[in-house]
Amino acid sequence: MPRRHASRTHEGDHRVSWTIIRSTAFVRAARKHLHRHPEHAADLFEVFTRLKEDPFHPSLRTHKLTGALAGSWACSAGYDLRIIFRPIEHAGKPAILLESVGTHDEVY
């Protein structure tokens, strides 16, 4: 039986590796967050690895955003840690543009 989330990968290919692109705003937010919460570094690294493999994996709890963040998606990187990203194409391949990171209240 195929995995339920497999149909959400780029063109149905289970083995597509997504390119991760960090926006300037994301880098700034990540530095600020990790300065205050260095214990989250391992969680973020794990999520980046999972995003690269499958940004819609059920463990990430990825969901589409609405309102001011319409067109972006969010995934969970811990109890109260969220990553905001936008699926894009970069050099003809699937990519993820990381837009922001922080607690639920910080990013929404």
Protein backbone atom coordinates (compact mmCIF):
# COMPACT_ATOMS: atom_id res chain seq x y z
CA MET A 1 0.00 0.00 0.00
CA PRO A 2 1.54 3.38 -0.97
CA ARG A 3 2.12 6.04 1.62
CA ARG A 4 -0.70 8.59 1.80
CA HIS A 5 1.59 11.61 1.47
CA ALA A 6 3.50 10.23 -1.51
CA SER A 7 1.06 11.75 -3.99
CA ARG A 8 1.98 15.20 -2.74
CA THR A 9 5.62 14.97 -3.77
CA HIS A 10 6.80 16.72 -6.92
CA GLU A 11 5.18 15.01 -9.92
CA GLY A 12 4.61 11.84 -7.88
CA ASP A 13 8.31 10.99 -7.65
CA HIS A 14 9.09 9.60 -4.20
CA ARG A 15 12.83 10.20 -4.53
CA VAL A 16 12.95 13.82 -5.58
CA SER A 17 15.39 15.76 -3.48
CA TRP A 18 14.21 19.30 -2.90
CA THR A 19 16.72 22.15 -2.93
CA ILE A 20 16.61 24.32 0.18
CA ILE A 21 16.95 28.08 -0.39
CA ARG A 22 17.17 30.42 2.60
CA SER A 23 15.78 33.93 2.30
CA THR A 24 17.55 36.80 4.05
CA ALA A 25 14.56 37.13 6.40
CA PHE A 26 14.80 33.44 7.27
CA VAL A 27 18.51 33.64 8.06
CA ARG A 28 17.91 36.66 10.28
CA ALA A 29 14.99 34.97 12.10
CA ALA A 30 16.93 31.71 12.52
CA ARG A 31 19.96 33.47 14.01
CA LYS A 32 17.74 35.39 16.41
CA HIS A 33 15.80 32.30 17.43
CA LEU A 34 18.88 30.09 17.87
CA HIS A 35 20.60 32.78 19.91
CA ARG A 36 17.68 32.66 22.36
CA HIS A 37 17.06 28.89 22.07
CA PRO A 38 20.28 27.04 21.14
CA GLU A 39 18.63 23.77 22.19
CA HIS A 40 16.48 23.95 19.02
CA ALA A 41 19.46 23.63 16.66
CA ALA A 42 19.23 19.82 16.42
CA ASP A 43 15.46 19.98 15.82
CA LEU A 44 15.91 22.48 12.99
CA PHE A 45 18.65 20.39 11.36
CA GLU A 46 16.40 17.31 11.49
CA VAL A 47 13.50 19.23 9.93
CA PHE A 48 15.72 20.63 7.15
CA THR A 49 16.78 17.06 6.32
CA ARG A 50 13.16 15.91 6.26
CA LEU A 51 12.06 18.93 4.17
CA LYS A 52 14.72 18.10 1.60
CA GLU A 53 13.42 14.53 1.34
CA ASP A 54 9.66 15.21 1.53
CA PRO A 55 8.23 18.56 2.66
CA PHE A 56 4.79 16.97 3.05
CA HIS A 57 5.83 14.11 5.34
CA PRO A 58 3.14 13.61 8.00
CA SER A 59 5.61 14.10 10.87
CA LEU A 60 6.12 17.72 9.73
CA ARG A 61 2.39 18.50 9.95
CA THR A 62 2.74 20.68 6.85
CA HIS A 63 -0.24 22.87 6.11
CA LYS A 64 -1.15 25.63 3.66
CA LEU A 65 -1.45 29.14 5.07
CA THR A 66 -4.13 31.73 4.34
CA GLY A 67 -4.58 35.46 4.75
CA ALA A 68 -1.41 37.56 4.69
CA LEU A 69 0.67 34.37 4.31
CA ALA A 70 -1.41 32.89 1.46
CA GLY A 71 0.78 30.93 -0.95
CA SER A 72 3.12 29.85 1.82
CA TRP A 73 3.15 26.67 3.85
CA ALA A 74 4.12 25.98 7.46
CA CYS A 75 5.60 22.91 9.09
CA SER A 76 6.30 22.01 12.67
CA ALA A 77 9.86 21.78 13.94
CA GLY A 78 8.90 21.08 17.54
CA TYR A 79 6.16 21.76 20.03
CA ASP A 80 6.02 25.53 19.43
CA LEU A 81 8.52 25.98 16.60
CA ARG A 82 7.32 26.62 13.04
CA ILE A 83 9.04 27.04 9.69
CA ILE A 84 7.30 29.06 6.97
CA PHE A 85 8.25 28.14 3.42
CA ARG A 86 7.12 28.38 -0.18
CA PRO A 87 7.53 25.53 -2.72
CA ILE A 88 9.14 26.92 -5.88
CA GLU A 89 11.15 25.75 -8.87
CA HIS A 90 14.84 26.59 -9.02
CA ALA A 91 16.88 25.72 -12.09
CA GLY A 92 14.03 23.51 -13.29
CA LYS A 93 13.96 21.43 -10.10
CA PRO A 94 11.71 21.51 -7.04
CA ALA A 95 12.92 23.82 -4.30
CA ILE A 96 11.80 25.16 -0.97
CA LEU A 97 12.23 28.84 -0.21
CA LEU A 98 12.53 29.17 3.57
CA GLU A 99 10.80 32.39 4.59
CA SER A 100 10.70 32.48 8.40
CA VAL A 101 11.20 30.47 11.56
CA GLY A 102 10.05 31.02 15.12
CA THR A 103 7.38 30.23 17.65
CA HIS A 104 3.75 30.07 16.60
CA ASP A 105 3.16 33.64 17.84
CA GLU A 106 6.29 34.99 16.13
CA VAL A 107 5.58 33.69 12.62
CA TYR A 108 1.79 34.05 12.35
